Amino acid sequence: MPSLVTYDVPEKHVELKKKLFKLGYLAQISTQSCPTFYFPNTTFYHSTKTPLQAREDVKAICKKIQIDLERCVATIWDSWAAICGQPFNNH
């Protein structure tokens, strides 16, 4: 089942993102309505992980790189409406 995970951390954003990418998380996907859909800055998609697995992945990475995980929500990627967005220039 595809899942989304979003979080807030006070530092080491780029390091956390790189580790999520290595676990197969994506910051953008192709959809029927958007050739490329860009997720918000701290939101990631995984095509096969459950929300629980996604949350635990973020928690484990934060522990490993020694940062506080201030907020985290993971959910099933199901029905949605969005604005396609633009790529981030600094990430």
N, C-alpha and C. Protein backbone atom coordinates (compact mmCIF):
# COMPACT_ATOMS: atom_id res chain seq x y z
N MET A 1 0.84 -1.18 0.00
CA MET A 1 0.00 0.00 0.00
C MET A 1 0.88 1.23 0.00
N PRO A 2 0.62 2.20 -0.84
CA PRO A 2 1.41 3.41 -0.83
C PRO A 2 1.11 4.27 0.39
N SER A 3 2.15 4.91 0.92
CA SER A 3 2.01 5.75 2.10
C SER A 3 2.72 7.08 1.92
N LEU A 4 2.24 8.06 2.66
CA LEU A 4 2.90 9.35 2.78
C LEU A 4 3.36 9.52 4.20
N VAL A 5 4.51 10.16 4.37
CA VAL A 5 4.98 10.53 5.70
C VAL A 5 5.45 11.98 5.64
N THR A 6 5.10 12.74 6.65
CA THR A 6 5.54 14.13 6.75
C THR A 6 6.01 14.38 8.17
N TYR A 7 6.94 15.28 8.32
CA TYR A 7 7.59 15.46 9.63
C TYR A 7 8.14 16.87 9.77
N ASP A 8 8.50 17.22 11.00
CA ASP A 8 9.24 18.44 11.30
C ASP A 8 10.45 18.07 12.14
N VAL A 9 11.59 18.57 11.74
CA VAL A 9 12.83 18.42 12.51
C VAL A 9 13.51 19.78 12.58
N PRO A 10 14.27 20.05 13.65
CA PRO A 10 14.88 21.37 13.80
C PRO A 10 16.16 21.57 13.00
N GLU A 11 16.77 20.48 12.52
CA GLU A 11 18.04 20.58 11.82
C GLU A 11 18.28 19.32 10.99
N LYS A 12 19.35 19.32 10.24
CA LYS A 12 19.79 18.18 9.43
C LYS A 12 18.74 17.68 8.44
N HIS A 13 17.97 18.63 7.88
CA HIS A 13 16.92 18.26 6.93
C HIS A 13 17.49 17.49 5.73
N VAL A 14 18.57 17.99 5.18
CA VAL A 14 19.14 17.37 3.97
C VAL A 14 19.65 15.97 4.28
N GLU A 15 20.28 15.78 5.42
CA GLU A 15 20.78 14.46 5.80
C GLU A 15 19.63 13.47 5.96
N LEU A 16 18.56 13.90 6.59
CA LEU A 16 17.38 13.04 6.77
C LEU A 16 16.80 12.67 5.40
N LYS A 17 16.66 13.63 4.52
CA LYS A 17 16.12 13.37 3.19
C LYS A 17 16.96 12.35 2.43
N LYS A 18 18.27 12.51 2.46
CA LYS A 18 19.15 11.59 1.75
C LYS A 18 18.96 10.16 2.24
N LYS A 19 18.78 9.99 3.54
CA LYS A 19 18.59 8.65 4.10
C LYS A 19 17.22 8.09 3.71
N LEU A 20 16.21 8.94 3.63
CA LEU A 20 14.90 8.48 3.17
C LEU A 20 14.96 8.04 1.71
N PHE A 21 15.67 8.80 0.88
CA PHE A 21 15.83 8.41 -0.52
C PHE A 21 16.48 7.04 -0.63
N LYS A 22 17.47 6.77 0.21
CA LYS A 22 18.16 5.47 0.17
C LYS A 22 17.22 4.32 0.54
N LEU A 23 16.15 4.62 1.29
CA LEU A 23 15.17 3.60 1.67
C LEU A 23 14.03 3.49 0.64
N GLY A 24 14.15 4.22 -0.45
CA GLY A 24 13.15 4.12 -1.51
C GLY A 24 12.03 5.14 -1.45
N TYR A 25 12.13 6.12 -0.57
CA TYR A 25 11.12 7.18 -0.50
C TYR A 25 11.34 8.16 -1.64
N LEU A 26 10.26 8.77 -2.09
CA LEU A 26 10.31 9.71 -3.20
C LEU A 26 9.76 11.06 -2.78
N ALA A 27 10.31 12.12 -3.34
CA ALA A 27 9.83 13.48 -3.09
C ALA A 27 8.96 13.97 -4.24
N GLN A 28 8.83 13.14 -5.28
CA GLN A 28 7.99 13.47 -6.43
C GLN A 28 7.56 12.17 -7.10
N ILE A 29 6.40 12.22 -7.71
CA ILE A 29 5.89 11.06 -8.45
C ILE A 29 5.20 11.56 -9.72
N SER A 30 4.98 10.66 -10.65
CA SER A 30 4.19 10.97 -11.84
C SER A 30 2.77 10.49 -11.60
N THR A 31 1.82 11.31 -12.01
CA THR A 31 0.40 10.96 -11.87
C THR A 31 -0.31 11.26 -13.18
N GLN A 32 -1.55 10.83 -13.26
CA GLN A 32 -2.33 11.09 -14.45
C GLN A 32 -2.58 12.59 -14.62
N SER A 33 -2.82 13.29 -13.52
CA SER A 33 -3.13 14.71 -13.61
C SER A 33 -1.90 15.62 -13.55
N CYS A 34 -0.77 15.10 -13.09
CA CYS A 34 0.47 15.88 -13.00
C CYS A 34 1.61 15.05 -13.58
N PRO A 35 2.24 15.48 -14.67
CA PRO A 35 3.38 14.73 -15.19
C PRO A 35 4.44 14.51 -14.10
N THR A 36 4.64 15.53 -13.28
CA THR A 36 5.48 15.39 -12.09
C THR A 36 4.79 16.11 -10.95
N PHE A 37 4.44 15.37 -9.92
CA PHE A 37 3.84 15.96 -8.72
C PHE A 37 4.92 16.06 -7.66
N TYR A 38 5.17 17.29 -7.18
CA TYR A 38 6.19 17.54 -6.18
C TYR A 38 5.54 17.64 -4.80
N PHE A 39 5.96 16.77 -3.89
CA PHE A 39 5.43 16.83 -2.54
C PHE A 39 6.00 18.03 -1.79
N PRO A 40 5.29 18.50 -0.76
CA PRO A 40 5.86 19.57 0.07
C PRO A 40 7.21 19.15 0.66
N ASN A 41 7.96 20.10 1.10
CA ASN A 41 9.37 19.94 1.48
C ASN A 41 9.68 18.76 2.39
N THR A 42 8.89 18.49 3.39
CA THR A 42 9.18 17.38 4.32
C THR A 42 8.13 16.28 4.22
N THR A 43 7.63 16.06 3.04
CA THR A 43 6.65 15.00 2.80
C THR A 43 7.22 14.03 1.77
N PHE A 44 7.12 12.75 2.07
CA PHE A 44 7.68 11.72 1.20
C PHE A 44 6.67 10.62 0.95
N TYR A 45 6.82 9.97 -0.18
CA TYR A 45 5.95 8.89 -0.65
C TYR A 45 6.76 7.60 -0.70
N HIS A 46 6.11 6.51 -0.32
CA HIS A 46 6.71 5.19 -0.54
C HIS A 46 5.62 4.28 -1.07
N SER A 47 5.93 3.54 -2.14
CA SER A 47 4.90 2.76 -2.83
C SER A 47 4.49 1.49 -2.10
N THR A 48 5.31 0.98 -1.18
CA THR A 48 4.97 -0.30 -0.56
C THR A 48 4.95 -0.31 0.97
N LYS A 49 5.40 0.75 1.59
CA LYS A 49 5.44 0.75 3.06
C LYS A 49 4.11 1.17 3.66
N THR A 50 3.80 0.60 4.82
CA THR A 50 2.61 1.00 5.55
C THR A 50 2.90 2.32 6.27
N PRO A 51 1.86 3.02 6.71
CA PRO A 51 2.10 4.22 7.50
C PRO A 51 2.95 3.94 8.75
N LEU A 52 2.71 2.83 9.41
CA LEU A 52 3.51 2.49 10.60
C LEU A 52 4.98 2.31 10.23
N GLN A 53 5.26 1.63 9.14
CA GLN A 53 6.65 1.44 8.71
C GLN A 53 7.29 2.78 8.35
N ALA A 54 6.54 3.64 7.67
CA ALA A 54 7.07 4.95 7.29
C ALA A 54 7.41 5.77 8.53
N ARG A 55 6.51 5.81 9.48
CA ARG A 55 6.79 6.55 10.72
C ARG A 55 8.01 5.99 11.42
N GLU A 56 8.10 4.68 11.51
CA GLU A 56 9.24 4.05 12.18
C GLU A 56 10.55 4.31 11.44
N ASP A 57 10.51 4.36 10.12
CA ASP A 57 11.72 4.70 9.35
C ASP A 57 12.22 6.09 9.72
N VAL A 58 11.30 7.06 9.76
CA VAL A 58 11.70 8.43 10.11
C VAL A 58 12.23 8.48 11.54
N LYS A 59 11.56 7.82 12.45
CA LYS A 59 12.03 7.80 13.85
C LYS A 59 13.43 7.20 13.95
N ALA A 60 13.67 6.11 13.26
CA ALA A 60 14.97 5.43 13.33
C ALA A 60 16.08 6.29 12.74
N ILE A 61 15.80 6.95 11.63
CA ILE A 61 16.81 7.82 11.02
C ILE A 61 17.13 8.98 11.96
N CYS A 62 16.10 9.59 12.53
CA CYS A 62 16.33 10.70 13.45
C CYS A 62 17.17 10.28 14.64
N LYS A 63 16.90 9.10 15.16
CA LYS A 63 17.70 8.60 16.27
C LYS A 63 19.15 8.39 15.83
N LYS A 64 19.33 7.82 14.65
CA LYS A 64 20.67 7.52 14.15
C LYS A 64 21.49 8.79 13.92
N ILE A 65 20.87 9.83 13.38
CA ILE A 65 21.61 11.06 13.11
C ILE A 65 21.48 12.08 14.24
N GLN A 66 20.86 11.64 15.31
CA GLN A 66 20.77 12.40 16.57
C GLN A 66 20.10 13.77 16.40
N ILE A 67 18.86 13.72 15.90
CA ILE A 67 18.04 14.93 15.85
C ILE A 67 16.69 14.64 16.46
N ASP A 68 16.06 15.69 16.96
CA ASP A 68 14.73 15.56 17.55
C ASP A 68 13.68 15.51 16.44
N LEU A 69 12.80 14.55 16.53
CA LEU A 69 11.65 14.47 15.63
C LEU A 69 10.51 15.20 16.33
N GLU A 70 10.23 16.41 15.88
CA GLU A 70 9.25 17.25 16.56
C GLU A 70 7.81 16.85 16.26
N ARG A 71 7.55 16.48 15.01
CA ARG A 71 6.21 16.06 14.58
C ARG A 71 6.38 15.05 13.46
N CYS A 72 5.42 14.13 13.38
CA CYS A 72 5.45 13.14 12.30
C CYS A 72 4.05 12.56 12.12
N VAL A 73 3.61 12.51 10.87
CA VAL A 73 2.34 11.89 10.53
C VAL A 73 2.58 11.02 9.30
N ALA A 74 2.08 9.81 9.34
CA ALA A 74 2.13 8.93 8.19
C ALA A 74 0.72 8.42 7.92
N THR A 75 0.38 8.30 6.65
CA THR A 75 -0.98 7.89 6.28
C THR A 75 -0.95 7.14 4.95
N ILE A 76 -2.03 6.47 4.67
CA ILE A 76 -2.18 5.77 3.39
C ILE A 76 -2.41 6.81 2.29
N TRP A 77 -1.72 6.66 1.18
CA TRP A 77 -1.89 7.53 0.01
C TRP A 77 -3.04 6.94 -0.79
N ASP A 78 -4.17 7.61 -0.73
CA ASP A 78 -5.39 7.07 -1.33
C ASP A 78 -6.01 8.14 -2.22
N SER A 79 -7.17 8.58 -1.89
CA SER A 79 -7.85 9.63 -2.64
C SER A 79 -7.22 10.97 -2.28
N TRP A 80 -6.99 11.81 -3.29
CA TRP A 80 -6.30 13.06 -3.01
C TRP A 80 -6.61 14.12 -4.05
N ALA A 81 -6.34 15.36 -3.67
CA ALA A 81 -6.43 16.51 -4.57
C ALA A 81 -5.21 17.36 -4.29
N ALA A 82 -4.58 17.90 -5.33
CA ALA A 82 -3.32 18.59 -5.09
C ALA A 82 -3.04 19.64 -6.16
N ILE A 83 -2.05 20.45 -5.89
CA ILE A 83 -1.44 21.35 -6.86
C ILE A 83 -0.10 20.71 -7.22
N CYS A 84 0.18 20.55 -8.50
CA CYS A 84 1.39 19.82 -8.93
C CYS A 84 2.67 20.39 -8.36
N GLY A 85 2.80 21.69 -8.24
CA GLY A 85 3.97 22.31 -7.65
C GLY A 85 5.16 22.38 -8.59
N GLN A 86 6.23 22.93 -8.07
CA GLN A 86 7.48 23.11 -8.79
C GLN A 86 8.60 22.45 -7.99
N PRO A 87 9.69 22.08 -8.63
CA PRO A 87 10.81 21.49 -7.88
C PRO A 87 11.43 22.50 -6.92
N PHE A 88 11.99 22.02 -5.83
CA PHE A 88 12.70 22.87 -4.89
C PHE A 88 14.07 23.19 -5.46
N ASN A 89 14.48 24.42 -5.36
CA ASN A 89 15.78 24.84 -5.88
C ASN A 89 16.92 24.55 -4.94
N ASN A 90 16.63 24.41 -3.65
CA ASN A 90 17.70 24.29 -2.66
C ASN A 90 17.80 22.91 -2.04
N HIS A 91 17.13 21.90 -2.59
CA HIS A 91 17.18 20.58 -1.95
C HIS A 91 17.44 19.52 -2.99
